[in-house]
Each structure stands twice: as structure tokens, then as C-alpha cells.
N, C-alpha and C. Protein backbone atom coordinates (compact mmCIF):
# COMPACT_ATOMS: atom_id res chain seq x y z
N UNK A 1 -207.65 -153.96 -63.75
CA UNK A 1 -206.58 -153.10 -64.23
C UNK A 1 -206.92 -151.63 -64.00
N UNK A 2 -205.92 -150.83 -63.59
CA UNK A 2 -206.19 -149.41 -63.40
C UNK A 2 -205.18 -148.56 -64.15
N UNK A 3 -204.00 -148.31 -63.55
CA UNK A 3 -203.00 -147.49 -64.22
C UNK A 3 -201.92 -148.33 -64.87
N UNK A 4 -202.23 -149.57 -65.20
CA UNK A 4 -201.24 -150.48 -65.76
C UNK A 4 -200.69 -149.94 -67.07
N UNK A 5 -199.41 -150.19 -67.30
CA UNK A 5 -198.77 -149.70 -68.52
C UNK A 5 -197.98 -150.80 -69.18
N UNK A 6 -198.14 -150.94 -70.50
CA UNK A 6 -197.35 -151.87 -71.30
C UNK A 6 -196.37 -151.06 -72.12
N UNK A 7 -195.09 -151.41 -72.07
CA UNK A 7 -194.08 -150.71 -72.86
C UNK A 7 -193.40 -151.72 -73.78
N UNK A 8 -193.37 -151.44 -75.06
CA UNK A 8 -192.72 -152.35 -75.99
C UNK A 8 -193.74 -153.21 -76.69
N UNK A 9 -193.49 -153.55 -77.92
CA UNK A 9 -194.48 -154.24 -78.74
C UNK A 9 -194.60 -155.72 -78.42
N UNK A 10 -193.68 -156.29 -77.64
CA UNK A 10 -193.69 -157.73 -77.42
C UNK A 10 -194.14 -158.13 -76.02
N UNK A 11 -194.58 -157.20 -75.21
CA UNK A 11 -195.14 -157.59 -73.91
C UNK A 11 -196.43 -158.37 -74.15
N UNK A 12 -196.72 -159.34 -73.26
CA UNK A 12 -197.92 -160.16 -73.44
C UNK A 12 -198.55 -160.45 -72.09
N UNK A 13 -199.86 -160.28 -72.00
CA UNK A 13 -200.60 -160.58 -70.79
C UNK A 13 -201.70 -161.57 -71.13
N UNK A 14 -201.64 -162.79 -70.53
CA UNK A 14 -202.67 -163.79 -70.74
C UNK A 14 -204.00 -163.35 -70.19
N UNK A 15 -205.10 -163.93 -70.67
CA UNK A 15 -206.43 -163.45 -70.33
C UNK A 15 -206.80 -163.59 -68.87
N UNK A 16 -206.20 -164.55 -68.13
CA UNK A 16 -206.52 -164.71 -66.71
C UNK A 16 -205.54 -164.01 -65.79
N UNK A 17 -204.44 -163.48 -66.33
CA UNK A 17 -203.48 -162.75 -65.52
C UNK A 17 -204.01 -161.34 -65.26
N UNK A 18 -203.45 -160.65 -64.26
CA UNK A 18 -204.00 -159.34 -63.91
C UNK A 18 -202.91 -158.36 -63.46
N UNK A 19 -203.15 -157.09 -63.75
CA UNK A 19 -202.27 -156.00 -63.34
C UNK A 19 -203.10 -154.98 -62.57
N UNK A 20 -202.52 -154.45 -61.48
CA UNK A 20 -203.26 -153.52 -60.64
C UNK A 20 -202.36 -152.38 -60.21
N UNK A 21 -202.96 -151.29 -59.75
CA UNK A 21 -202.19 -150.16 -59.24
C UNK A 21 -201.33 -149.54 -60.33
N UNK A 22 -200.05 -149.30 -60.03
CA UNK A 22 -199.11 -148.70 -60.98
C UNK A 22 -198.13 -149.73 -61.54
N UNK A 23 -198.55 -150.98 -61.58
CA UNK A 23 -197.66 -152.03 -62.09
C UNK A 23 -197.32 -151.78 -63.55
N UNK A 24 -196.14 -152.26 -63.99
CA UNK A 24 -195.62 -151.97 -65.32
C UNK A 24 -195.01 -153.21 -65.97
N UNK A 25 -195.13 -153.32 -67.28
CA UNK A 25 -194.46 -154.34 -68.07
C UNK A 25 -193.67 -153.66 -69.18
N UNK A 26 -192.40 -154.08 -69.38
CA UNK A 26 -191.55 -153.48 -70.41
C UNK A 26 -190.89 -154.57 -71.25
N UNK A 27 -190.37 -154.19 -72.39
CA UNK A 27 -189.57 -155.09 -73.23
C UNK A 27 -190.35 -156.31 -73.68
N UNK A 28 -189.77 -157.50 -73.45
CA UNK A 28 -190.39 -158.75 -73.87
C UNK A 28 -191.01 -159.52 -72.70
N UNK A 29 -191.36 -158.83 -71.64
CA UNK A 29 -191.91 -159.50 -70.46
C UNK A 29 -193.27 -160.13 -70.77
N UNK A 30 -193.58 -161.22 -70.06
CA UNK A 30 -194.80 -162.01 -70.34
C UNK A 30 -195.47 -162.45 -69.05
N UNK A 31 -196.80 -162.44 -69.02
CA UNK A 31 -197.59 -162.97 -67.92
C UNK A 31 -198.52 -164.06 -68.45
N UNK A 32 -198.52 -165.22 -67.80
CA UNK A 32 -199.39 -166.33 -68.19
C UNK A 32 -200.31 -166.72 -67.03
N UNK A 33 -201.27 -167.57 -67.35
CA UNK A 33 -202.11 -168.21 -66.34
C UNK A 33 -202.81 -167.19 -65.44
N UNK A 34 -202.75 -167.40 -64.10
CA UNK A 34 -203.43 -166.49 -63.17
C UNK A 34 -202.45 -165.60 -62.42
N UNK A 35 -201.30 -165.32 -63.01
CA UNK A 35 -200.31 -164.49 -62.37
C UNK A 35 -200.83 -163.06 -62.19
N UNK A 36 -200.29 -162.33 -61.20
CA UNK A 36 -200.78 -160.98 -60.93
C UNK A 36 -199.69 -160.03 -60.49
N UNK A 37 -199.86 -158.76 -60.85
CA UNK A 37 -198.96 -157.69 -60.44
C UNK A 37 -199.76 -156.62 -59.70
N UNK A 38 -199.16 -156.08 -58.61
CA UNK A 38 -199.87 -155.12 -57.78
C UNK A 38 -198.97 -153.94 -57.43
N UNK A 39 -199.61 -152.85 -56.98
CA UNK A 39 -198.92 -151.64 -56.54
C UNK A 39 -197.93 -151.11 -57.59
N UNK A 40 -196.62 -151.00 -57.21
CA UNK A 40 -195.62 -150.40 -58.11
C UNK A 40 -194.67 -151.44 -58.69
N UNK A 41 -195.09 -152.69 -58.76
CA UNK A 41 -194.22 -153.75 -59.28
C UNK A 41 -193.97 -153.56 -60.77
N UNK A 42 -192.84 -154.12 -61.26
CA UNK A 42 -192.49 -153.94 -62.67
C UNK A 42 -191.73 -155.14 -63.22
N UNK A 43 -191.89 -155.37 -64.53
CA UNK A 43 -191.21 -156.45 -65.25
C UNK A 43 -190.46 -155.86 -66.44
N UNK A 44 -189.25 -156.38 -66.69
CA UNK A 44 -188.41 -155.88 -67.78
C UNK A 44 -187.81 -157.04 -68.57
N UNK A 45 -187.26 -156.71 -69.73
CA UNK A 45 -186.51 -157.70 -70.52
C UNK A 45 -187.36 -158.90 -70.89
N UNK A 46 -186.81 -160.09 -70.66
CA UNK A 46 -187.49 -161.34 -71.00
C UNK A 46 -188.08 -162.03 -69.78
N UNK A 47 -188.40 -161.28 -68.75
CA UNK A 47 -188.95 -161.87 -67.53
C UNK A 47 -190.33 -162.46 -67.77
N UNK A 48 -190.67 -163.54 -67.03
CA UNK A 48 -191.92 -164.27 -67.25
C UNK A 48 -192.55 -164.66 -65.92
N UNK A 49 -193.88 -164.55 -65.85
CA UNK A 49 -194.65 -165.02 -64.70
C UNK A 49 -195.62 -166.09 -65.15
N UNK A 50 -195.72 -167.19 -64.36
CA UNK A 50 -196.62 -168.29 -64.67
C UNK A 50 -197.54 -168.58 -63.48
N UNK A 51 -198.60 -169.33 -63.77
CA UNK A 51 -199.47 -169.92 -62.75
C UNK A 51 -200.02 -168.86 -61.78
N UNK A 52 -199.82 -169.05 -60.46
CA UNK A 52 -200.40 -168.13 -59.48
C UNK A 52 -199.36 -167.20 -58.86
N UNK A 53 -198.25 -166.98 -59.54
CA UNK A 53 -197.20 -166.13 -59.00
C UNK A 53 -197.69 -164.69 -58.86
N UNK A 54 -197.12 -163.95 -57.88
CA UNK A 54 -197.58 -162.60 -57.56
C UNK A 54 -196.41 -161.66 -57.30
N UNK A 55 -196.55 -160.41 -57.73
CA UNK A 55 -195.60 -159.35 -57.43
C UNK A 55 -196.33 -158.23 -56.70
N UNK A 56 -195.74 -157.73 -55.60
CA UNK A 56 -196.37 -156.69 -54.81
C UNK A 56 -195.40 -155.53 -54.56
N UNK A 57 -195.94 -154.44 -54.04
CA UNK A 57 -195.14 -153.29 -53.60
C UNK A 57 -194.28 -152.76 -54.74
N UNK A 58 -192.95 -152.62 -54.53
CA UNK A 58 -192.06 -152.09 -55.56
C UNK A 58 -191.11 -153.17 -56.09
N UNK A 59 -191.54 -154.42 -56.03
CA UNK A 59 -190.69 -155.51 -56.51
C UNK A 59 -190.50 -155.43 -58.02
N UNK A 60 -189.41 -156.01 -58.52
CA UNK A 60 -189.12 -155.93 -59.96
C UNK A 60 -188.38 -157.17 -60.46
N UNK A 61 -188.61 -157.49 -61.73
CA UNK A 61 -187.97 -158.62 -62.42
C UNK A 61 -187.25 -158.10 -63.65
N UNK A 62 -186.04 -158.63 -63.91
CA UNK A 62 -185.24 -158.20 -65.05
C UNK A 62 -184.76 -159.40 -65.87
N UNK A 63 -184.36 -159.11 -67.09
CA UNK A 63 -183.69 -160.05 -67.97
C UNK A 63 -184.46 -161.37 -68.13
N UNK A 64 -183.88 -162.51 -67.80
CA UNK A 64 -184.54 -163.80 -68.05
C UNK A 64 -185.11 -164.43 -66.79
N UNK A 65 -185.39 -163.64 -65.78
CA UNK A 65 -185.92 -164.18 -64.53
C UNK A 65 -187.35 -164.69 -64.73
N UNK A 66 -187.77 -165.66 -63.88
CA UNK A 66 -189.12 -166.21 -64.01
C UNK A 66 -189.67 -166.66 -62.66
N UNK A 67 -191.00 -166.64 -62.56
CA UNK A 67 -191.72 -167.07 -61.36
C UNK A 67 -192.79 -168.08 -61.75
N UNK A 68 -192.96 -169.12 -60.90
CA UNK A 68 -193.98 -170.14 -61.15
C UNK A 68 -194.68 -170.52 -59.85
N UNK A 69 -195.71 -171.33 -59.98
CA UNK A 69 -196.41 -171.84 -58.81
C UNK A 69 -197.07 -170.73 -58.02
N UNK A 70 -196.92 -170.76 -56.70
CA UNK A 70 -197.47 -169.74 -55.82
C UNK A 70 -196.40 -168.80 -55.30
N UNK A 71 -195.30 -168.67 -56.02
CA UNK A 71 -194.20 -167.83 -55.57
C UNK A 71 -194.62 -166.36 -55.54
N UNK A 72 -193.96 -165.55 -54.70
CA UNK A 72 -194.35 -164.15 -54.56
C UNK A 72 -193.16 -163.26 -54.24
N UNK A 73 -193.26 -161.99 -54.65
CA UNK A 73 -192.25 -160.98 -54.38
C UNK A 73 -192.92 -159.81 -53.66
N UNK A 74 -192.20 -159.26 -52.64
CA UNK A 74 -192.74 -158.18 -51.83
C UNK A 74 -191.68 -157.12 -51.61
N UNK A 75 -192.10 -155.95 -51.10
CA UNK A 75 -191.15 -154.90 -50.77
C UNK A 75 -190.38 -154.40 -51.98
N UNK A 76 -189.06 -154.25 -51.83
CA UNK A 76 -188.19 -153.80 -52.92
C UNK A 76 -187.36 -154.94 -53.49
N UNK A 77 -187.87 -156.16 -53.36
CA UNK A 77 -187.13 -157.33 -53.83
C UNK A 77 -186.91 -157.28 -55.34
N UNK A 78 -185.80 -157.88 -55.80
CA UNK A 78 -185.40 -157.80 -57.21
C UNK A 78 -184.89 -159.16 -57.69
N UNK A 79 -185.27 -159.53 -58.91
CA UNK A 79 -184.75 -160.72 -59.58
C UNK A 79 -184.01 -160.28 -60.84
N UNK A 80 -182.78 -160.82 -61.05
CA UNK A 80 -181.97 -160.50 -62.22
C UNK A 80 -181.62 -161.77 -62.99
N UNK A 81 -181.17 -161.56 -64.21
CA UNK A 81 -180.52 -162.59 -65.03
C UNK A 81 -181.38 -163.85 -65.16
N UNK A 82 -180.85 -165.01 -64.82
CA UNK A 82 -181.58 -166.27 -65.03
C UNK A 82 -182.17 -166.82 -63.73
N UNK A 83 -182.43 -165.97 -62.77
CA UNK A 83 -182.96 -166.44 -61.49
C UNK A 83 -184.36 -167.00 -61.64
N UNK A 84 -184.70 -168.00 -60.79
CA UNK A 84 -185.98 -168.71 -60.88
C UNK A 84 -186.61 -168.90 -59.50
N UNK A 85 -187.93 -168.75 -59.44
CA UNK A 85 -188.68 -169.04 -58.22
C UNK A 85 -189.77 -170.06 -58.55
N UNK A 86 -189.91 -171.08 -57.68
CA UNK A 86 -190.90 -172.13 -57.88
C UNK A 86 -191.73 -172.33 -56.62
N UNK A 87 -192.81 -173.08 -56.78
CA UNK A 87 -193.61 -173.54 -55.64
C UNK A 87 -194.15 -172.36 -54.81
N UNK A 88 -193.89 -172.37 -53.50
CA UNK A 88 -194.39 -171.30 -52.63
C UNK A 88 -193.26 -170.43 -52.10
N UNK A 89 -192.16 -170.35 -52.82
CA UNK A 89 -191.03 -169.53 -52.40
C UNK A 89 -191.41 -168.05 -52.44
N UNK A 90 -190.74 -167.23 -51.63
CA UNK A 90 -191.09 -165.81 -51.57
C UNK A 90 -189.89 -164.94 -51.22
N UNK A 91 -189.98 -163.67 -51.62
CA UNK A 91 -188.94 -162.67 -51.37
C UNK A 91 -189.56 -161.46 -50.69
N UNK A 92 -188.82 -160.89 -49.70
CA UNK A 92 -189.32 -159.75 -48.96
C UNK A 92 -188.26 -158.66 -48.85
N UNK A 93 -188.71 -157.45 -48.48
CA UNK A 93 -187.86 -156.31 -48.18
C UNK A 93 -186.90 -156.00 -49.34
N UNK A 94 -185.57 -155.97 -49.07
CA UNK A 94 -184.60 -155.59 -50.10
C UNK A 94 -183.80 -156.79 -50.61
N UNK A 95 -184.38 -157.96 -50.54
CA UNK A 95 -183.69 -159.17 -50.98
C UNK A 95 -183.53 -159.20 -52.49
N UNK A 96 -182.57 -160.00 -52.97
CA UNK A 96 -182.31 -160.06 -54.41
C UNK A 96 -181.85 -161.45 -54.84
N UNK A 97 -182.14 -161.77 -56.09
CA UNK A 97 -181.68 -163.02 -56.72
C UNK A 97 -181.00 -162.66 -58.03
N UNK A 98 -179.88 -163.33 -58.32
CA UNK A 98 -179.21 -163.05 -59.59
C UNK A 98 -178.40 -164.26 -60.03
N UNK A 99 -177.76 -164.17 -61.19
CA UNK A 99 -177.03 -165.31 -61.74
C UNK A 99 -177.99 -166.43 -62.11
N UNK A 100 -177.65 -167.65 -61.75
CA UNK A 100 -178.51 -168.80 -62.03
C UNK A 100 -179.17 -169.30 -60.74
N UNK A 101 -179.52 -168.39 -59.87
CA UNK A 101 -180.10 -168.75 -58.58
C UNK A 101 -181.48 -169.37 -58.74
N UNK A 102 -181.82 -170.30 -57.82
CA UNK A 102 -183.10 -171.00 -57.86
C UNK A 102 -183.64 -171.15 -56.44
N UNK A 103 -184.92 -170.86 -56.26
CA UNK A 103 -185.61 -171.11 -55.00
C UNK A 103 -186.77 -172.05 -55.26
N UNK A 104 -186.91 -173.08 -54.40
CA UNK A 104 -187.99 -174.05 -54.54
C UNK A 104 -188.70 -174.23 -53.20
N UNK A 105 -189.77 -175.01 -53.22
CA UNK A 105 -190.48 -175.33 -51.99
C UNK A 105 -191.04 -174.09 -51.33
N UNK A 106 -190.77 -173.92 -50.04
CA UNK A 106 -191.30 -172.78 -49.29
C UNK A 106 -190.17 -171.88 -48.79
N UNK A 107 -189.07 -171.82 -49.54
CA UNK A 107 -187.92 -171.03 -49.12
C UNK A 107 -188.22 -169.54 -49.19
N UNK A 108 -187.56 -168.76 -48.31
CA UNK A 108 -187.83 -167.33 -48.18
C UNK A 108 -186.52 -166.54 -48.15
N UNK A 109 -186.48 -165.43 -48.90
CA UNK A 109 -185.40 -164.45 -48.80
C UNK A 109 -185.93 -163.26 -48.02
N UNK A 110 -185.14 -162.79 -47.04
CA UNK A 110 -185.58 -161.68 -46.20
C UNK A 110 -184.53 -160.58 -46.16
N UNK A 111 -184.94 -159.41 -45.70
CA UNK A 111 -184.00 -158.32 -45.44
C UNK A 111 -183.16 -157.99 -46.65
N UNK A 112 -181.83 -158.05 -46.48
CA UNK A 112 -180.91 -157.75 -47.58
C UNK A 112 -180.23 -159.01 -48.11
N UNK A 113 -180.81 -160.18 -47.85
CA UNK A 113 -180.23 -161.41 -48.34
C UNK A 113 -180.13 -161.40 -49.87
N UNK A 114 -179.03 -161.91 -50.38
CA UNK A 114 -178.82 -161.95 -51.82
C UNK A 114 -178.44 -163.37 -52.23
N UNK A 115 -179.18 -163.93 -53.17
CA UNK A 115 -178.99 -165.31 -53.59
C UNK A 115 -178.40 -165.36 -55.00
N UNK A 116 -177.32 -166.15 -55.17
CA UNK A 116 -176.69 -166.24 -56.49
C UNK A 116 -176.58 -167.68 -56.99
N UNK A 117 -177.09 -168.65 -56.24
CA UNK A 117 -177.00 -170.05 -56.66
C UNK A 117 -178.27 -170.77 -56.20
N UNK A 118 -178.40 -172.04 -56.52
CA UNK A 118 -179.58 -172.78 -56.11
C UNK A 118 -179.51 -173.14 -54.63
N UNK A 119 -180.61 -172.97 -53.92
CA UNK A 119 -180.69 -173.41 -52.53
C UNK A 119 -180.99 -174.89 -52.52
N UNK A 120 -180.12 -175.67 -51.90
CA UNK A 120 -180.34 -177.11 -51.81
C UNK A 120 -181.46 -177.39 -50.82
N UNK A 121 -182.46 -178.15 -51.25
CA UNK A 121 -183.62 -178.45 -50.42
C UNK A 121 -183.80 -179.96 -50.26
N UNK A 122 -184.11 -180.40 -49.04
CA UNK A 122 -184.41 -181.81 -48.77
C UNK A 122 -185.84 -181.89 -48.25
N UNK A 123 -186.64 -182.74 -48.84
CA UNK A 123 -188.04 -182.88 -48.43
C UNK A 123 -188.19 -184.00 -47.42
N UNK A 124 -188.74 -183.66 -46.26
CA UNK A 124 -189.03 -184.67 -45.24
C UNK A 124 -190.25 -185.48 -45.68
N UNK A 125 -190.44 -186.66 -45.12
CA UNK A 125 -191.50 -187.56 -45.57
C UNK A 125 -192.90 -186.99 -45.41
N UNK A 126 -193.07 -185.97 -44.54
CA UNK A 126 -194.38 -185.35 -44.38
C UNK A 126 -194.57 -184.14 -45.29
N UNK A 127 -193.58 -183.88 -46.17
CA UNK A 127 -193.73 -182.82 -47.16
C UNK A 127 -192.98 -181.54 -46.87
N UNK A 128 -192.42 -181.37 -45.66
CA UNK A 128 -191.70 -180.14 -45.34
C UNK A 128 -190.34 -180.11 -46.04
N UNK A 129 -190.01 -178.93 -46.60
CA UNK A 129 -188.72 -178.74 -47.26
C UNK A 129 -187.73 -178.13 -46.28
N UNK A 130 -186.56 -178.78 -46.13
CA UNK A 130 -185.50 -178.29 -45.27
C UNK A 130 -184.35 -177.75 -46.12
N UNK A 131 -183.77 -176.64 -45.67
CA UNK A 131 -182.61 -176.08 -46.36
C UNK A 131 -181.68 -175.45 -45.33
N UNK A 132 -180.42 -175.21 -45.73
CA UNK A 132 -179.41 -174.67 -44.83
C UNK A 132 -178.55 -173.72 -45.64
N UNK A 133 -178.62 -172.43 -45.31
CA UNK A 133 -177.88 -171.43 -46.09
C UNK A 133 -177.71 -170.17 -45.26
N UNK A 134 -176.76 -169.30 -45.62
CA UNK A 134 -176.43 -168.15 -44.77
C UNK A 134 -177.38 -166.97 -44.93
N UNK A 135 -177.59 -166.24 -43.82
CA UNK A 135 -178.38 -165.02 -43.89
C UNK A 135 -177.49 -163.87 -44.35
N UNK A 136 -178.01 -162.65 -44.32
CA UNK A 136 -177.27 -161.49 -44.83
C UNK A 136 -175.98 -161.24 -44.06
N UNK A 137 -175.89 -161.72 -42.81
CA UNK A 137 -174.68 -161.53 -41.99
C UNK A 137 -173.73 -162.72 -42.05
N UNK A 138 -174.06 -163.72 -42.89
CA UNK A 138 -173.20 -164.88 -43.03
C UNK A 138 -173.45 -165.98 -42.02
N UNK A 139 -174.50 -165.83 -41.20
CA UNK A 139 -174.84 -166.88 -40.23
C UNK A 139 -175.70 -167.93 -40.93
N UNK A 140 -175.30 -169.19 -40.86
CA UNK A 140 -176.03 -170.26 -41.54
C UNK A 140 -177.30 -170.60 -40.77
N UNK A 141 -178.41 -170.65 -41.49
CA UNK A 141 -179.72 -170.84 -40.89
C UNK A 141 -180.44 -172.03 -41.53
N UNK A 142 -181.22 -172.72 -40.71
CA UNK A 142 -182.07 -173.81 -41.20
C UNK A 142 -183.45 -173.23 -41.49
N UNK A 143 -184.01 -173.55 -42.65
CA UNK A 143 -185.38 -173.15 -42.97
C UNK A 143 -186.20 -174.40 -43.22
N UNK A 144 -187.43 -174.40 -42.68
CA UNK A 144 -188.37 -175.49 -42.89
C UNK A 144 -189.75 -174.98 -42.54
N UNK A 145 -190.63 -174.85 -43.52
CA UNK A 145 -191.93 -174.27 -43.26
C UNK A 145 -191.77 -172.85 -42.74
N UNK A 146 -192.37 -172.53 -41.60
CA UNK A 146 -192.24 -171.19 -41.01
C UNK A 146 -190.99 -171.07 -40.14
N UNK A 147 -190.24 -172.15 -39.96
CA UNK A 147 -189.04 -172.12 -39.12
C UNK A 147 -187.87 -171.46 -39.85
N UNK A 148 -187.17 -170.59 -39.14
CA UNK A 148 -185.98 -169.92 -39.67
C UNK A 148 -185.04 -169.74 -38.49
N UNK A 149 -184.20 -170.76 -38.22
CA UNK A 149 -183.43 -170.82 -36.98
C UNK A 149 -182.01 -171.30 -37.25
N UNK A 150 -181.13 -171.05 -36.28
CA UNK A 150 -179.76 -171.56 -36.37
C UNK A 150 -179.78 -173.08 -36.22
N UNK A 151 -178.69 -173.73 -36.60
CA UNK A 151 -178.61 -175.18 -36.48
C UNK A 151 -178.77 -175.65 -35.03
N UNK A 152 -178.11 -175.03 -34.04
CA UNK A 152 -178.32 -175.47 -32.65
C UNK A 152 -179.78 -175.34 -32.22
N UNK A 153 -180.41 -174.23 -32.60
CA UNK A 153 -181.82 -174.03 -32.24
C UNK A 153 -182.72 -175.01 -32.97
N UNK A 154 -182.37 -175.36 -34.21
CA UNK A 154 -183.15 -176.34 -34.96
C UNK A 154 -183.09 -177.70 -34.27
N UNK A 155 -181.90 -178.10 -33.88
CA UNK A 155 -181.75 -179.40 -33.21
C UNK A 155 -182.52 -179.42 -31.89
N UNK A 156 -182.46 -178.33 -31.13
CA UNK A 156 -183.18 -178.26 -29.86
C UNK A 156 -184.69 -178.33 -30.09
N UNK A 157 -185.18 -177.58 -31.10
CA UNK A 157 -186.62 -177.55 -31.38
C UNK A 157 -187.15 -178.93 -31.73
N UNK A 158 -186.49 -179.60 -32.70
CA UNK A 158 -187.02 -180.89 -33.13
C UNK A 158 -186.71 -182.03 -32.14
N UNK A 159 -185.71 -181.84 -31.28
CA UNK A 159 -185.49 -182.82 -30.21
C UNK A 159 -186.64 -182.75 -29.21
N UNK A 160 -187.03 -181.54 -28.86
CA UNK A 160 -188.11 -181.36 -27.88
C UNK A 160 -189.46 -181.79 -28.46
N UNK A 161 -189.71 -181.42 -29.70
CA UNK A 161 -191.05 -181.65 -30.27
C UNK A 161 -191.21 -183.01 -30.93
N UNK A 162 -190.10 -183.66 -31.36
CA UNK A 162 -190.22 -184.92 -32.09
C UNK A 162 -189.41 -186.07 -31.50
N UNK A 163 -188.90 -185.89 -30.30
CA UNK A 163 -188.05 -186.90 -29.68
C UNK A 163 -188.79 -188.24 -29.57
N UNK A 164 -188.09 -189.31 -29.94
CA UNK A 164 -188.65 -190.64 -29.81
C UNK A 164 -189.62 -191.04 -30.90
N UNK A 165 -189.71 -190.24 -31.98
CA UNK A 165 -190.61 -190.56 -33.09
C UNK A 165 -189.80 -190.81 -34.36
N UNK A 166 -190.41 -191.50 -35.30
CA UNK A 166 -189.75 -191.75 -36.59
C UNK A 166 -189.47 -190.44 -37.30
N UNK A 167 -190.41 -189.48 -37.20
CA UNK A 167 -190.21 -188.18 -37.85
C UNK A 167 -189.07 -187.42 -37.19
N UNK A 168 -188.91 -187.58 -35.88
CA UNK A 168 -187.80 -186.94 -35.19
C UNK A 168 -186.47 -187.52 -35.63
N UNK A 169 -186.39 -188.85 -35.76
CA UNK A 169 -185.16 -189.50 -36.23
C UNK A 169 -184.83 -189.04 -37.65
N UNK A 170 -185.85 -188.96 -38.49
CA UNK A 170 -185.64 -188.52 -39.88
C UNK A 170 -185.14 -187.08 -39.91
N UNK A 171 -185.71 -186.22 -39.06
CA UNK A 171 -185.30 -184.82 -39.02
C UNK A 171 -183.84 -184.68 -38.62
N UNK A 172 -183.39 -185.45 -37.62
CA UNK A 172 -182.00 -185.39 -37.19
C UNK A 172 -181.06 -185.88 -38.29
N UNK A 173 -181.49 -186.86 -39.06
CA UNK A 173 -180.69 -187.33 -40.20
C UNK A 173 -180.56 -186.22 -41.25
N UNK A 174 -181.66 -185.51 -41.48
CA UNK A 174 -181.63 -184.40 -42.44
C UNK A 174 -180.69 -183.30 -41.97
N UNK A 175 -180.77 -182.94 -40.68
CA UNK A 175 -179.90 -181.90 -40.14
C UNK A 175 -178.44 -182.32 -40.19
N UNK A 176 -178.16 -183.59 -39.88
CA UNK A 176 -176.79 -184.10 -39.97
C UNK A 176 -176.26 -183.96 -41.40
N UNK A 177 -177.10 -184.35 -42.37
CA UNK A 177 -176.67 -184.31 -43.77
C UNK A 177 -176.44 -182.88 -44.22
N UNK A 178 -177.31 -181.96 -43.81
CA UNK A 178 -177.15 -180.56 -44.20
C UNK A 178 -175.85 -179.99 -43.64
N UNK A 179 -175.49 -180.34 -42.42
CA UNK A 179 -174.23 -179.87 -41.84
C UNK A 179 -173.03 -180.45 -42.59
N UNK A 180 -173.10 -181.71 -42.95
CA UNK A 180 -172.02 -182.34 -43.70
C UNK A 180 -171.87 -181.70 -45.08
N UNK A 181 -173.02 -181.43 -45.73
CA UNK A 181 -172.98 -180.78 -47.04
C UNK A 181 -172.37 -179.39 -46.93
N UNK A 182 -172.76 -178.65 -45.90
CA UNK A 182 -172.23 -177.30 -45.74
C UNK A 182 -170.72 -177.31 -45.53
N UNK A 183 -170.24 -178.24 -44.72
CA UNK A 183 -168.81 -178.32 -44.44
C UNK A 183 -168.01 -178.71 -45.67
N UNK A 184 -168.58 -179.58 -46.51
CA UNK A 184 -167.85 -180.09 -47.68
C UNK A 184 -168.01 -179.22 -48.91
N UNK A 185 -169.21 -178.66 -49.13
CA UNK A 185 -169.50 -177.95 -50.38
C UNK A 185 -170.14 -176.58 -50.18
N UNK A 186 -170.99 -176.46 -49.17
CA UNK A 186 -171.79 -175.25 -49.03
C UNK A 186 -171.01 -173.98 -48.85
N UNK A 187 -170.02 -173.98 -47.96
CA UNK A 187 -169.25 -172.77 -47.71
C UNK A 187 -168.51 -172.32 -48.97
N UNK A 188 -167.94 -173.26 -49.68
CA UNK A 188 -167.21 -172.93 -50.90
C UNK A 188 -168.17 -172.34 -51.94
N UNK A 189 -169.36 -172.92 -52.05
CA UNK A 189 -170.35 -172.45 -53.01
C UNK A 189 -170.73 -171.00 -52.73
N UNK A 190 -170.94 -170.68 -51.47
CA UNK A 190 -171.35 -169.32 -51.13
C UNK A 190 -170.21 -168.33 -51.15
N UNK A 191 -168.99 -168.78 -50.84
CA UNK A 191 -167.83 -167.89 -50.87
C UNK A 191 -167.44 -167.50 -52.28
N UNK A 192 -167.84 -168.29 -53.28
CA UNK A 192 -167.47 -168.02 -54.66
C UNK A 192 -168.58 -167.30 -55.42
N UNK A 193 -169.31 -166.48 -54.74
CA UNK A 193 -170.40 -165.76 -55.41
C UNK A 193 -169.84 -164.77 -56.44
N UNK A 194 -170.52 -164.63 -57.57
CA UNK A 194 -170.05 -163.69 -58.60
C UNK A 194 -170.29 -162.25 -58.20
N UNK A 195 -169.70 -161.31 -58.95
CA UNK A 195 -169.91 -159.90 -58.68
C UNK A 195 -171.36 -159.55 -58.95
N UNK A 196 -171.97 -158.81 -58.04
CA UNK A 196 -173.38 -158.45 -58.18
C UNK A 196 -173.56 -157.44 -59.29
N UNK A 197 -174.56 -157.66 -60.15
CA UNK A 197 -174.90 -156.71 -61.20
C UNK A 197 -176.00 -155.80 -60.69
N UNK A 198 -175.69 -154.55 -60.52
CA UNK A 198 -176.69 -153.61 -60.00
C UNK A 198 -177.74 -153.26 -61.04
N UNK A 199 -178.85 -152.74 -60.56
CA UNK A 199 -179.94 -152.36 -61.45
C UNK A 199 -179.49 -151.33 -62.46
N UNK A 200 -179.83 -151.57 -63.72
CA UNK A 200 -179.50 -150.64 -64.79
C UNK A 200 -178.13 -150.84 -65.38
N UNK A 201 -177.30 -151.77 -64.84
CA UNK A 201 -175.97 -152.00 -65.40
C UNK A 201 -176.04 -153.00 -66.54
């Protein structure tokens, strides 16, 4: 700990958690387990960090947001309201989560992407999590591990690399299902996003 600051009588930092740089805790925010805050990161309201979750740079958490597992926040990323991060999910740059949004597995928010609902994830038999959701420009992208590609590019990649294998057949079934879900439910879910609550409102 260096210039860490606690504001409010109900902030709590567990003995294995750590704060570094100019990180800040306000209100009823809580840190448990081996969670850590670095640089200019900040927590407000009833926000909570568990396990090995990490905050870096100028990232911030508000209200009832929470982080678990190995999840991480970077850049100017922001979590509001009842948003949740699990597993190895991560946020970068100016991305944001709000409402009842949920990230699981190894999902990533980049750039100015804004999440307001749960990202549907399908786990392949070898453990990779697949998801299909729009980027900041509204283009629907497939995510799986380090892959972040359009549906045509995803099909080409796994056709070339897994053609004629059981894992390749399973992957094509997952991609088919994700496209069907998007056509039936996904677009409507994303088009009905609530009004964004800006910081300090």
C-alpha cells in the first residue's frame, strides 16, 4: 500500500487483498480474498471485489457491481449498477457495463463497447467458451479464447483448423446455434438496451 485512501466508515479491505498507487475506496465498497487495486482505480457505493480480481489504470466500480475469479479491469473501463464479472473476463479502454449485465468465462469488452445484459456463453467440450454479440459499431462478433472475429471468419478459421474432427463438428454446431439464437432473440435483446446512466448521475 502507498497512497491508498479509504473514504467512509464502512469500507472494508480483507487481510490478503491489496491496494497500490493512488487507488481509492469509497462508501460501502469491500475487498475480499486476494483481490487487488492498482494505479488510479476506484470503488464506490456497494461495489465488491472477490478472489483474484484486479483493477488497473483509471478503472472504476459503482453501486452494486462486483468482480470474482480472475476477472480484471483496465484503462478507463467502468462498472455500474448490478453488473457482474466472473472467471477470467476482462474490460479494456473505455468499455462499460451497466444494468444487470454479466460477463463469464474469458469474455472481453474492448474500446467503447457497452454491455447492458448477460452475454450468452456456450462451453465447448475442451473448455473454450464461445459467445456471439455486437461490437461498438453493431457488428456481431464471435469470441472464443483469444479469438475475436466475425461469423464468416470464425467459420473459415475452424473449418481450416478443425475440418474432419469431432471438435470441428462440435464447433460448427455451436456456431450454427449462436446464429439461430441471434436471429431469434439476440438482436431484440441488444436493441432494447436501457438508457445509459452516466457517471455521477
